[in-house]
Amino acid sequence: MFEGSEKKLEIILTPLSESIRKDTALNWSSLLKVCGAKIISLNHHKHMDSYILSESSLFVYDDRVILITCGSTKLYLLAPLLIKHFGIEKISYIFYARKKLLFPEKQLSDFEKEIEYINKVLPGNSYRLGPTQGEHLHVFIATSYESPDYTLEDDFTIELLMSQPSSSIINDFEKNASNSKAIQNKLAFESFFDNIFIEDHIFEPRGYSLNGISQEFYLTLHVTPQEENSYVSFETNFRSNHILKMLNYLIKLFSPESILIALYSNFFNLSHDLHIPGYEKKEKTKVSFKDYDIENFHLTKKEGAYV
């Protein structure tokens, strides 16, 4: 069964590494076939290359790769290939993460098996943020043996994972299935971020993906409208005073039954600022590392709340 929740792989190279964008030996089309995805569109920007994939998105910077795939893709298969290509000595950090599956028994693999595969090439540690039986996030992190003193620069990524969005907004997406501009207007990203370049794709028979780029920052949104497991994800590294307003706007727009908010940062936290009208916080989990923290919040819609 199709799972809308994504797997995410991020690889960060050491500062002395050659630019990934200039690496002519990297054939992304061939690599993506390995995990079961293909390129739908590609746009080159000043600071990154932005791809919309058949299964979510890919962002390639000079020093890092951010790969997000959903469905039955086997994203973990790419980790060893990329590690070997770049060279272990040039790997600063590897992050591999995925949300708890809705239908784990119907999937081809699980987090433990995927991590076992990556561990054979670059050993690391895995963490679960959230209760075993409840909503949680799996995270695997590995660092290069050759760069133990390397420190990440200011880093910030926030993810908003929304399960069971309102049927009315999903119906709106269905009605506008041939009108991407109408969908973009409803999402209103341009009102929150200046000079943002937006590219999107409407899938057949259903589904929607969007990438937004402004300077060195990206945002990406994916909508899985299947009735039995509808799901919306949003992720960005924009460092803006409007981020919390943006999150609140998206939550109000999609009105999901359940929310996970994951923050990866070494200079920002949500603990005191996170208040979502109509929702109650169920759990908060935090893991601290040398260079950054990961915070994970699970919220559910209050009974009778109209968001």
C-alpha atoms as a PDB file:
ATOM      1  CA  MET A   1       0.000   0.000   0.000  1.00  0.00           C
ATOM      2  CA  PHE A   2       1.230   3.495  -0.870  1.00  0.00           C
ATOM      3  CA  GLU A   3       2.657   5.405   2.110  1.00  0.00           C
ATOM      4  CA  GLY A   4       2.627   9.181   1.815  1.00  0.00           C
ATOM      5  CA  SER A   5       5.113   9.686   4.645  1.00  0.00           C
ATOM      6  CA  GLU A   6       8.610  10.226   3.309  1.00  0.00           C
ATOM      7  CA  LYS A   7      12.045   8.869   3.893  1.00  0.00           C
ATOM      8  CA  LYS A   8      14.760  11.517   4.039  1.00  0.00           C
ATOM      9  CA  LEU A   9      18.472  11.185   3.333  1.00  0.00           C
ATOM     10  CA  GLU A  10      20.845  14.110   3.856  1.00  0.00           C
ATOM     11  CA  ILE A  11      24.580  13.892   3.260  1.00  0.00           C
ATOM     12  CA  ILE A  12      26.852  16.799   4.220  1.00  0.00           C
ATOM     13  CA  LEU A  13      30.445  16.917   2.996  1.00  0.00           C
ATOM     14  CA  THR A  14      33.477  18.479   4.667  1.00  0.00           C
ATOM     15  CA  PRO A  15      34.368  22.070   3.684  1.00  0.00           C
ATOM     16  CA  LEU A  16      37.389  21.022   1.599  1.00  0.00           C
ATOM     17  CA  SER A  17      35.366  18.711  -0.638  1.00  0.00           C
ATOM     18  CA  GLU A  18      34.775  19.500  -4.289  1.00  0.00           C
ATOM     19  CA  SER A  19      31.385  20.880  -5.295  1.00  0.00           C
ATOM     20  CA  ILE A  20      28.733  18.194  -5.667  1.00  0.00           C
ATOM     21  CA  ARG A  21      26.985  20.298  -8.305  1.00  0.00           C
ATOM     22  CA  LYS A  22      30.123  20.255 -10.463  1.00  0.00           C
ATOM     23  CA  ASP A  23      30.622  16.503 -10.076  1.00  0.00           C
ATOM     24  CA  THR A  24      30.057  15.291 -13.643  1.00  0.00           C
ATOM     25  CA  ALA A  25      30.438  11.664 -12.568  1.00  0.00           C
ATOM     26  CA  LEU A  26      27.185  11.866 -10.602  1.00  0.00           C
ATOM     27  CA  ASN A  27      24.296  10.661 -12.738  1.00  0.00           C
ATOM     28  CA  TRP A  28      21.183  11.417 -10.718  1.00  0.00           C
ATOM     29  CA  SER A  29      18.821   9.747 -13.179  1.00  0.00           C
ATOM     30  CA  SER A  30      20.672   6.446 -12.846  1.00  0.00           C
ATOM     31  CA  LEU A  31      21.043   6.740  -9.081  1.00  0.00           C
ATOM     32  CA  LEU A  32      17.369   7.482  -8.552  1.00  0.00           C
ATOM     33  CA  LYS A  33      16.381   4.407 -10.564  1.00  0.00           C
ATOM     34  CA  VAL A  34      18.121   2.321  -7.899  1.00  0.00           C
ATOM     35  CA  CYS A  35      15.631   3.460  -5.264  1.00  0.00           C
ATOM     36  CA  GLY A  36      12.620   3.491  -7.604  1.00  0.00           C
ATOM     37  CA  ALA A  37      12.262   7.200  -8.393  1.00  0.00           C
ATOM     38  CA  LYS A  38      12.740   9.323 -11.498  1.00  0.00           C
ATOM     39  CA  ILE A  39      13.202  12.999 -12.295  1.00  0.00           C
ATOM     40  CA  ILE A  40      10.079  14.957 -13.268  1.00  0.00           C
ATOM     41  CA  SER A  41      11.673  18.405 -13.495  1.00  0.00           C
ATOM     42  CA  LEU A  42      14.975  20.155 -12.755  1.00  0.00           C
ATOM     43  CA  ASN A  43      15.763  23.818 -12.168  1.00  0.00           C
ATOM     44  CA  HIS A  44      19.243  25.257 -11.631  1.00  0.00           C
ATOM     45  CA  HIS A  45      19.509  28.095  -9.116  1.00  0.00           C
ATOM     46  CA  LYS A  46      22.433  30.154  -7.843  1.00  0.00           C
ATOM     47  CA  HIS A  47      22.929  28.112  -4.672  1.00  0.00           C
ATOM     48  CA  MET A  48      21.374  24.745  -5.522  1.00  0.00           C
ATOM     49  CA  ASP A  49      19.750  22.477  -8.079  1.00  0.00           C
ATOM     50  CA  SER A  50      16.103  21.685  -7.350  1.00  0.00           C
ATOM     51  CA  TYR A  51      14.433  18.501  -8.579  1.00  0.00           C
ATOM     52  CA  ILE A  52      10.824  17.377  -8.421  1.00  0.00           C
ATOM     53  CA  LEU A  53      10.770  13.592  -8.449  1.00  0.00           C
ATOM     54  CA  SER A  54       8.147  10.994  -9.194  1.00  0.00           C
ATOM     55  CA  GLU A  55       8.335  10.369  -5.441  1.00  0.00           C
ATOM     56  CA  SER A  56       8.927  13.804  -3.796  1.00  0.00           C
ATOM     57  CA  SER A  57      12.071  16.004  -4.120  1.00  0.00           C
ATOM     58  CA  LEU A  58      15.846  16.339  -4.360  1.00  0.00           C
ATOM     59  CA  PHE A  59      18.011  19.368  -3.548  1.00  0.00           C
ATOM     60  CA  VAL A  60      21.693  19.420  -4.475  1.00  0.00           C
ATOM     61  CA  TYR A  61      24.002  22.070  -2.980  1.00  0.00           C
ATOM     62  CA  ASP A  62      27.751  22.394  -3.393  1.00  0.00           C
ATOM     63  CA  ASP A  63      28.320  20.716  -0.022  1.00  0.00           C
ATOM     64  CA  ARG A  64      25.230  18.589   0.587  1.00  0.00           C
ATOM     65  CA  VAL A  65      22.461  16.458  -0.855  1.00  0.00           C
ATOM     66  CA  ILE A  66      18.898  16.408   0.510  1.00  0.00           C
ATOM     67  CA  LEU A  67      16.805  13.566  -0.865  1.00  0.00           C
ATOM     68  CA  ILE A  68      13.160  13.033   0.080  1.00  0.00           C
ATOM     69  CA  THR A  69      11.142  10.116  -1.294  1.00  0.00           C
ATOM     70  CA  CYS A  70       7.811   8.522  -0.433  1.00  0.00           C
ATOM     71  CA  GLY A  71       5.803   5.463  -1.424  1.00  0.00           C
ATOM     72  CA  SER A  72       7.627   2.181  -1.949  1.00  0.00           C
ATOM     73  CA  THR A  73      10.973   3.785  -2.822  1.00  0.00           C
ATOM     74  CA  LYS A  74      14.060   2.221  -1.255  1.00  0.00           C
ATOM     75  CA  LEU A  75      15.941   5.405  -0.459  1.00  0.00           C
ATOM     76  CA  TYR A  76      18.344   3.652   1.901  1.00  0.00           C
ATOM     77  CA  LEU A  77      19.927   1.893  -1.091  1.00  0.00           C
ATOM     78  CA  LEU A  78      21.410   5.208  -2.238  1.00  0.00           C
ATOM     79  CA  ALA A  79      23.294   5.926   0.989  1.00  0.00           C
ATOM     80  CA  PRO A  80      26.132   3.398   0.464  1.00  0.00           C
ATOM     81  CA  LEU A  81      26.419   4.349  -3.222  1.00  0.00           C
ATOM     82  CA  LEU A  82      26.809   8.038  -2.404  1.00  0.00           C
ATOM     83  CA  ILE A  83      29.168   7.384   0.514  1.00  0.00           C
ATOM     84  CA  LYS A  84      31.445   5.321  -1.721  1.00  0.00           C
ATOM     85  CA  HIS A  85      31.247   7.902  -4.501  1.00  0.00           C
ATOM     86  CA  PHE A  86      32.185  10.863  -2.299  1.00  0.00           C
ATOM     87  CA  GLY A  87      34.604   8.892  -0.116  1.00  0.00           C
ATOM     88  CA  ILE A  88      34.113   8.206   3.584  1.00  0.00           C
ATOM     89  CA  GLU A  89      36.856  10.683   4.481  1.00  0.00           C
ATOM     90  CA  LYS A  90      34.771  13.499   2.943  1.00  0.00           C
ATOM     91  CA  ILE A  91      31.549  12.711   4.808  1.00  0.00           C
ATOM     92  CA  SER A  92      30.810  15.076   7.687  1.00  0.00           C
ATOM     93  CA  TYR A  93      27.297  13.907   8.507  1.00  0.00           C
ATOM     94  CA  ILE A  94      24.676  11.541   7.222  1.00  0.00           C
ATOM     95  CA  PHE A  95      21.059  11.802   8.350  1.00  0.00           C
ATOM     96  CA  TYR A  96      18.449   9.211   7.472  1.00  0.00           C
ATOM     97  CA  ALA A  97      14.959   9.639   8.885  1.00  0.00           C
ATOM     98  CA  ARG A  98      11.435   8.398   8.466  1.00  0.00           C
ATOM     99  CA  LYS A  99       8.140   8.768  10.310  1.00  0.00           C
ATOM    100  CA  LYS A 100       6.307   5.837  11.837  1.00  0.00           C
ATOM    101  CA  LEU A 101       4.517   3.959   9.067  1.00  0.00           C
ATOM    102  CA  LEU A 102       0.739   3.710   8.934  1.00  0.00           C
ATOM    103  CA  PHE A 103       0.819   0.226   7.395  1.00  0.00           C
ATOM    104  CA  PRO A 104       4.223  -1.276   8.266  1.00  0.00           C
ATOM    105  CA  GLU A 105       3.058  -4.814   7.542  1.00  0.00           C
ATOM    106  CA  LYS A 106       2.356  -3.856   3.915  1.00  0.00           C
ATOM    107  CA  GLN A 107       5.772  -2.325   3.214  1.00  0.00           C
ATOM    108  CA  LEU A 108       8.859  -3.914   1.703  1.00  0.00           C
ATOM    109  CA  SER A 109      11.253  -2.900   4.499  1.00  0.00           C
ATOM    110  CA  ASP A 110      11.431  -1.330   7.934  1.00  0.00           C
ATOM    111  CA  PHE A 111      13.720   1.216   9.562  1.00  0.00           C
ATOM    112  CA  GLU A 112      15.879  -1.362  11.343  1.00  0.00           C
ATOM    113  CA  LYS A 113      16.653  -3.255   8.139  1.00  0.00           C
ATOM    114  CA  GLU A 114      17.381  -0.032   6.283  1.00  0.00           C
ATOM    115  CA  ILE A 115      19.789   1.171   8.959  1.00  0.00           C
ATOM    116  CA  GLU A 116      21.512  -2.199   9.044  1.00  0.00           C
ATOM    117  CA  TYR A 117      22.232  -1.736   5.336  1.00  0.00           C
ATOM    118  CA  ILE A 118      23.714   1.767   5.791  1.00  0.00           C
ATOM    119  CA  ASN A 119      25.670   0.737   8.897  1.00  0.00           C
ATOM    120  CA  LYS A 120      27.730  -1.707   6.856  1.00  0.00           C
ATOM    121  CA  VAL A 121      29.320   1.218   5.020  1.00  0.00           C
ATOM    122  CA  LEU A 122      29.352   3.961   7.658  1.00  0.00           C
ATOM    123  CA  PRO A 123      28.425   2.956  11.228  1.00  0.00           C
ATOM    124  CA  GLY A 124      26.216   5.345  13.170  1.00  0.00           C
ATOM    125  CA  ASN A 125      23.478   5.507  15.785  1.00  0.00           C
ATOM    126  CA  SER A 126      19.704   5.395  15.484  1.00  0.00           C
ATOM    127  CA  TYR A 127      17.128   7.140  17.670  1.00  0.00           C
ATOM    128  CA  ARG A 128      13.367   7.070  18.110  1.00  0.00           C
ATOM    129  CA  LEU A 129      11.767  10.395  18.979  1.00  0.00           C
ATOM    130  CA  GLY A 130       8.397   9.640  20.507  1.00  0.00           C
ATOM    131  CA  PRO A 131       6.669   6.646  22.150  1.00  0.00           C
ATOM    132  CA  THR A 132       6.967   3.170  20.648  1.00  0.00           C
ATOM    133  CA  GLN A 133       3.217   2.667  20.325  1.00  0.00           C
ATOM    134  CA  GLY A 134       2.405   6.268  19.385  1.00  0.00           C
ATOM    135  CA  GLU A 135       3.476   8.696  16.692  1.00  0.00           C
ATOM    136  CA  HIS A 136       7.232   8.863  16.434  1.00  0.00           C
ATOM    137  CA  LEU A 137      10.154   9.691  14.186  1.00  0.00           C
ATOM    138  CA  HIS A 138      13.096   7.406  13.452  1.00  0.00           C
ATOM    139  CA  VAL A 139      16.467   9.086  12.910  1.00  0.00           C
ATOM    140  CA  PHE A 140      19.839   7.589  11.997  1.00  0.00           C
ATOM    141  CA  ILE A 141      22.992   9.721  12.244  1.00  0.00           C
ATOM    142  CA  ALA A 142      26.552   8.894  11.243  1.00  0.00           C
ATOM    143  CA  THR A 143      29.676  11.049  11.125  1.00  0.00           C
ATOM    144  CA  SER A 144      32.960  10.592   9.311  1.00  0.00           C
ATOM    145  CA  TYR A 145      35.859   9.126  11.242  1.00  0.00           C
ATOM    146  CA  GLU A 146      38.164  11.538   9.441  1.00  0.00           C
ATOM    147  CA  SER A 147      36.506  14.790  10.567  1.00  0.00           C
ATOM    148  CA  PRO A 148      35.733  14.502  14.296  1.00  0.00           C
ATOM    149  CA  ASP A 149      36.505  18.174  14.980  1.00  0.00           C
ATOM    150  CA  TYR A 150      34.371  19.594  12.196  1.00  0.00           C
ATOM    151  CA  THR A 151      31.494  21.754  13.464  1.00  0.00           C
ATOM    152  CA  LEU A 152      28.362  22.505  11.490  1.00  0.00           C
ATOM    153  CA  GLU A 153      27.641  26.116  10.689  1.00  0.00           C
ATOM    154  CA  ASP A 154      24.272  27.548  11.733  1.00  0.00           C
ATOM    155  CA  ASP A 155      21.817  24.879  10.682  1.00  0.00           C
ATOM    156  CA  PHE A 156      18.037  24.898  10.627  1.00  0.00           C
ATOM    157  CA  THR A 157      15.429  22.590   9.133  1.00  0.00           C
ATOM    158  CA  ILE A 158      11.816  22.242  10.188  1.00  0.00           C
ATOM    159  CA  GLU A 159       9.339  19.586   9.087  1.00  0.00           C
ATOM    160  CA  LEU A 160       5.560  19.661   9.416  1.00  0.00           C
ATOM    161  CA  LEU A 161       3.981  16.222   8.926  1.00  0.00           C
ATOM    162  CA  MET A 162       0.179  16.230   8.808  1.00  0.00           C
ATOM    163  CA  SER A 163      -1.956  13.076   8.904  1.00  0.00           C
ATOM    164  CA  GLN A 164      -5.641  12.924   7.968  1.00  0.00           C
ATOM    165  CA  PRO A 165      -6.060  16.453   6.608  1.00  0.00           C
ATOM    166  CA  SER A 166      -9.571  17.841   6.244  1.00  0.00           C
ATOM    167  CA  SER A 167     -11.553  16.184   3.453  1.00  0.00           C
ATOM    168  CA  SER A 168     -12.702  19.626   2.285  1.00  0.00           C
ATOM    169  CA  ILE A 169      -9.175  20.832   1.488  1.00  0.00           C
ATOM    170  CA  ILE A 170      -8.342  17.517  -0.157  1.00  0.00           C
ATOM    171  CA  ASN A 171     -11.469  17.934  -2.292  1.00  0.00           C
ATOM    172  CA  ASP A 172     -10.242  21.418  -3.221  1.00  0.00           C
ATOM    173  CA  PHE A 173      -6.989  19.916  -4.432  1.00  0.00           C
ATOM    174  CA  GLU A 174      -8.947  17.377  -6.458  1.00  0.00           C
ATOM    175  CA  LYS A 175     -11.121  20.098  -8.020  1.00  0.00           C
ATOM    176  CA  ASN A 176      -8.033  22.099  -8.992  1.00  0.00           C
ATOM    177  CA  ALA A 177      -6.189  19.059 -10.299  1.00  0.00           C
ATOM    178  CA  SER A 178      -5.465  20.810 -13.588  1.00  0.00           C
ATOM    179  CA  ASN A 179      -4.874  24.294 -12.172  1.00  0.00           C
ATOM    180  CA  SER A 180      -1.550  24.555 -10.371  1.00  0.00           C
ATOM    181  CA  LYS A 181      -1.840  28.344 -10.079  1.00  0.00           C
ATOM    182  CA  ALA A 182      -5.048  27.985  -8.051  1.00  0.00           C
ATOM    183  CA  ILE A 183      -3.264  25.565  -5.721  1.00  0.00           C
ATOM    184  CA  GLN A 184      -0.282  27.910  -5.369  1.00  0.00           C
ATOM    185  CA  ASN A 185      -2.609  30.794  -4.512  1.00  0.00           C
ATOM    186  CA  LYS A 186      -4.264  28.718  -1.798  1.00  0.00           C
ATOM    187  CA  LEU A 187      -0.897  27.758  -0.306  1.00  0.00           C
ATOM    188  CA  ALA A 188       0.146  31.449  -0.324  1.00  0.00           C
ATOM    189  CA  PHE A 189       3.888  30.852   0.023  1.00  0.00           C
ATOM    190  CA  GLU A 190       4.629  34.044  -1.909  1.00  0.00           C
ATOM    191  CA  SER A 191       2.963  36.092   0.830  1.00  0.00           C
ATOM    192  CA  PHE A 192       5.368  34.691   3.433  1.00  0.00           C
ATOM    193  CA  PHE A 193       8.644  34.602   1.508  1.00  0.00           C
ATOM    194  CA  ASP A 194      10.082  37.314  -0.745  1.00  0.00           C
ATOM    195  CA  ASN A 195      11.355  36.569  -4.245  1.00  0.00           C
ATOM    196  CA  ILE A 196      10.487  32.896  -4.064  1.00  0.00           C
ATOM    197  CA  PHE A 197      10.662  30.776  -7.215  1.00  0.00           C
ATOM    198  CA  ILE A 198       7.978  28.092  -7.228  1.00  0.00           C
ATOM    199  CA  GLU A 199       7.875  24.939  -9.302  1.00  0.00           C
ATOM    200  CA  ASP A 200       5.219  22.271  -8.883  1.00  0.00           C
ATOM    201  CA  HIS A 201       3.741  19.148 -10.419  1.00  0.00           C
ATOM    202  CA  ILE A 202       0.252  17.640 -10.342  1.00  0.00           C
ATOM    203  CA  PHE A 203       0.359  13.853 -10.533  1.00  0.00           C
ATOM    204  CA  GLU A 204      -2.033  11.503 -12.300  1.00  0.00           C
ATOM    205  CA  PRO A 205      -4.395  10.266 -11.042  1.00  0.00           C
ATOM    206  CA  ARG A 206      -3.753  12.257  -7.847  1.00  0.00           C
ATOM    207  CA  GLY A 207      -1.039  13.857  -5.770  1.00  0.00           C
ATOM    208  CA  TYR A 208       0.845  17.146  -5.710  1.00  0.00           C
ATOM    209  CA  SER A 209       4.457  18.249  -5.174  1.00  0.00           C
ATOM    210  CA  LEU A 210       5.924  21.744  -4.863  1.00  0.00           C
ATOM    211  CA  ASN A 211       9.439  23.124  -4.426  1.00  0.00           C
ATOM    212  CA  GLY A 212      10.080  26.746  -3.516  1.00  0.00           C
ATOM    213  CA  ILE A 213      13.517  28.373  -3.802  1.00  0.00           C
ATOM    214  CA  SER A 214      14.833  31.739  -2.614  1.00  0.00           C
ATOM    215  CA  GLN A 215      18.590  32.304  -2.544  1.00  0.00           C
ATOM    216  CA  GLU A 216      20.114  29.422  -0.528  1.00  0.00           C
ATOM    217  CA  PHE A 217      16.800  28.398   1.048  1.00  0.00           C
ATOM    218  CA  TYR A 218      14.256  25.804  -0.037  1.00  0.00           C
ATOM    219  CA  LEU A 219      10.801  24.669   0.939  1.00  0.00           C
ATOM    220  CA  THR A 220       8.973  21.605  -0.282  1.00  0.00           C
ATOM    221  CA  LEU A 221       5.394  20.408   0.119  1.00  0.00           C
ATOM    222  CA  HIS A 222       3.812  17.101  -0.868  1.00  0.00           C
ATOM    223  CA  VAL A 223       0.153  16.104  -0.779  1.00  0.00           C
ATOM    224  CA  THR A 224      -1.061  12.498  -0.784  1.00  0.00           C
ATOM    225  CA  PRO A 225      -4.869  12.695  -1.114  1.00  0.00           C
ATOM    226  CA  GLN A 226      -5.725   8.981  -0.887  1.00  0.00           C
ATOM    227  CA  GLU A 227      -8.745   8.734   1.382  1.00  0.00           C
ATOM    228  CA  GLU A 228      -7.524   5.818   3.499  1.00  0.00           C
ATOM    229  CA  ASN A 229      -4.144   7.405   4.294  1.00  0.00           C
ATOM    230  CA  SER A 230      -4.250  11.069   3.275  1.00  0.00           C
ATOM    231  CA  TYR A 231      -1.113  12.932   4.238  1.00  0.00           C
ATOM    232  CA  VAL A 232       0.630  16.281   3.740  1.00  0.00           C
ATOM    233  CA  SER A 233       4.277  17.081   4.428  1.00  0.00           C
ATOM    234  CA  PHE A 234       6.094  20.407   4.470  1.00  0.00           C
ATOM    235  CA  GLU A 235       9.791  21.040   5.013  1.00  0.00           C
ATOM    236  CA  THR A 236      11.981  24.132   4.851  1.00  0.00           C
ATOM    237  CA  ASN A 237      15.324  25.589   5.873  1.00  0.00           C
ATOM    238  CA  PHE A 238      14.098  29.197   5.515  1.00  0.00           C
ATOM    239  CA  ARG A 239      15.291  31.254   8.488  1.00  0.00           C
ATOM    240  CA  SER A 240      12.454  33.717   8.674  1.00  0.00           C
ATOM    241  CA  ASN A 241      10.467  35.429  11.391  1.00  0.00           C
ATOM    242  CA  HIS A 242       7.421  34.184   9.503  1.00  0.00           C
ATOM    243  CA  ILE A 243       8.123  30.462   9.968  1.00  0.00           C
ATOM    244  CA  LEU A 244       5.731  29.972  12.887  1.00  0.00           C
ATOM    245  CA  LYS A 245       3.073  32.006  11.070  1.00  0.00           C
ATOM    246  CA  MET A 246       3.630  29.806   8.035  1.00  0.00           C
ATOM    247  CA  LEU A 247       3.207  26.632  10.093  1.00  0.00           C
ATOM    248  CA  ASN A 248       0.030  27.943  11.680  1.00  0.00           C
ATOM    249  CA  TYR A 249      -1.321  28.934   8.277  1.00  0.00           C
ATOM    250  CA  LEU A 250      -0.689  25.480   6.785  1.00  0.00           C
ATOM    251  CA  ILE A 251      -2.185  23.732   9.799  1.00  0.00           C
ATOM    252  CA  LYS A 252      -5.278  25.916   9.619  1.00  0.00           C
ATOM    253  CA  LEU A 253      -5.515  25.316   5.867  1.00  0.00           C
ATOM    254  CA  PHE A 254      -5.215  21.520   6.022  1.00  0.00           C
ATOM    255  CA  SER A 255      -6.783  21.021   9.484  1.00  0.00           C
ATOM    256  CA  PRO A 256      -5.186  17.587  10.066  1.00  0.00           C
ATOM    257  CA  GLU A 257      -6.164  15.237  12.874  1.00  0.00           C
ATOM    258  CA  SER A 258      -2.552  14.593  13.867  1.00  0.00           C
ATOM    259  CA  ILE A 259       0.677  16.592  13.500  1.00  0.00           C
ATOM    260  CA  LEU A 260       4.373  15.897  13.922  1.00  0.00           C
ATOM    261  CA  ILE A 261       6.712  18.883  13.948  1.00  0.00           C
ATOM    262  CA  ALA A 262      10.420  18.070  13.795  1.00  0.00           C
ATOM    263  CA  LEU A 263      13.097  20.729  14.236  1.00  0.00           C
ATOM    264  CA  TYR A 264      16.787  20.189  13.472  1.00  0.00           C
ATOM    265  CA  SER A 265      18.863  23.170  14.593  1.00  0.00           C
ATOM    266  CA  ASN A 266      21.915  24.384  16.505  1.00  0.00           C
ATOM    267  CA  PHE A 267      20.619  27.878  17.272  1.00  0.00           C
ATOM    268  CA  PHE A 268      16.813  27.769  17.510  1.00  0.00           C
ATOM    269  CA  ASN A 269      14.204  25.907  19.547  1.00  0.00           C
ATOM    270  CA  LEU A 270      10.426  25.738  19.549  1.00  0.00           C
ATOM    271  CA  SER A 271       9.737  24.866  23.159  1.00  0.00           C
ATOM    272  CA  HIS A 272       8.447  28.274  24.228  1.00  0.00           C
ATOM    273  CA  ASP A 273       6.958  29.433  20.931  1.00  0.00           C
ATOM    274  CA  LEU A 274       4.944  26.424  19.799  1.00  0.00           C
ATOM    275  CA  HIS A 275       1.253  27.100  20.228  1.00  0.00           C
ATOM    276  CA  ILE A 276      -1.175  25.813  17.617  1.00  0.00           C
ATOM    277  CA  PRO A 277      -4.793  26.954  18.176  1.00  0.00           C
ATOM    278  CA  GLY A 278      -7.187  24.008  18.301  1.00  0.00           C
ATOM    279  CA  TYR A 279      -4.450  21.455  19.035  1.00  0.00           C
ATOM    280  CA  GLU A 280      -3.006  19.934  22.171  1.00  0.00           C
ATOM    281  CA  LYS A 281       0.558  18.769  22.623  1.00  0.00           C
ATOM    282  CA  LYS A 282       0.756  15.025  23.282  1.00  0.00           C
ATOM    283  CA  GLU A 283       4.500  14.469  23.453  1.00  0.00           C
ATOM    284  CA  LYS A 284       7.742  16.349  23.083  1.00  0.00           C
ATOM    285  CA  THR A 285      11.039  14.543  22.563  1.00  0.00           C
ATOM    286  CA  LYS A 286      14.468  16.129  22.327  1.00  0.00           C
ATOM    287  CA  VAL A 287      17.849  14.634  21.486  1.00  0.00           C
ATOM    288  CA  SER A 288      21.014  16.724  21.815  1.00  0.00           C
ATOM    289  CA  PHE A 289      24.242  16.198  19.913  1.00  0.00           C
ATOM    290  CA  LYS A 290      27.574  17.982  19.704  1.00  0.00           C
ATOM    291  CA  ASP A 291      26.506  20.414  16.983  1.00  0.00           C
ATOM    292  CA  TYR A 292      22.715  20.585  17.147  1.00  0.00           C
ATOM    293  CA  ASP A 293      19.465  19.414  18.717  1.00  0.00           C
ATOM    294  CA  ILE A 294      16.506  17.521  17.295  1.00  0.00           C
ATOM    295  CA  GLU A 295      13.100  18.377  18.754  1.00  0.00           C
ATOM    296  CA  ASN A 296       9.996  16.386  17.888  1.00  0.00           C
ATOM    297  CA  PHE A 297       6.458  17.425  18.829  1.00  0.00           C
ATOM    298  CA  HIS A 298       3.281  15.399  18.426  1.00  0.00           C
ATOM    299  CA  LEU A 299      -0.005  17.302  18.519  1.00  0.00           C
ATOM    300  CA  THR A 300      -3.583  16.182  17.983  1.00  0.00           C
ATOM    301  CA  LYS A 301      -6.706  18.135  17.218  1.00  0.00           C
ATOM    302  CA  LYS A 302      -8.769  18.915  20.309  1.00  0.00           C
ATOM    303  CA  GLU A 303     -12.107  17.166  20.449  1.00  0.00           C
ATOM    304  CA  GLY A 304     -14.741  19.320  18.815  1.00  0.00           C
ATOM    305  CA  ALA A 305     -12.181  21.864  17.629  1.00  0.00           C
ATOM    306  CA  TYR A 306     -12.833  23.585  14.339  1.00  0.00           C
ATOM    307  CA  VAL A 307      -9.528  24.721  12.897  1.00  0.00           C
END
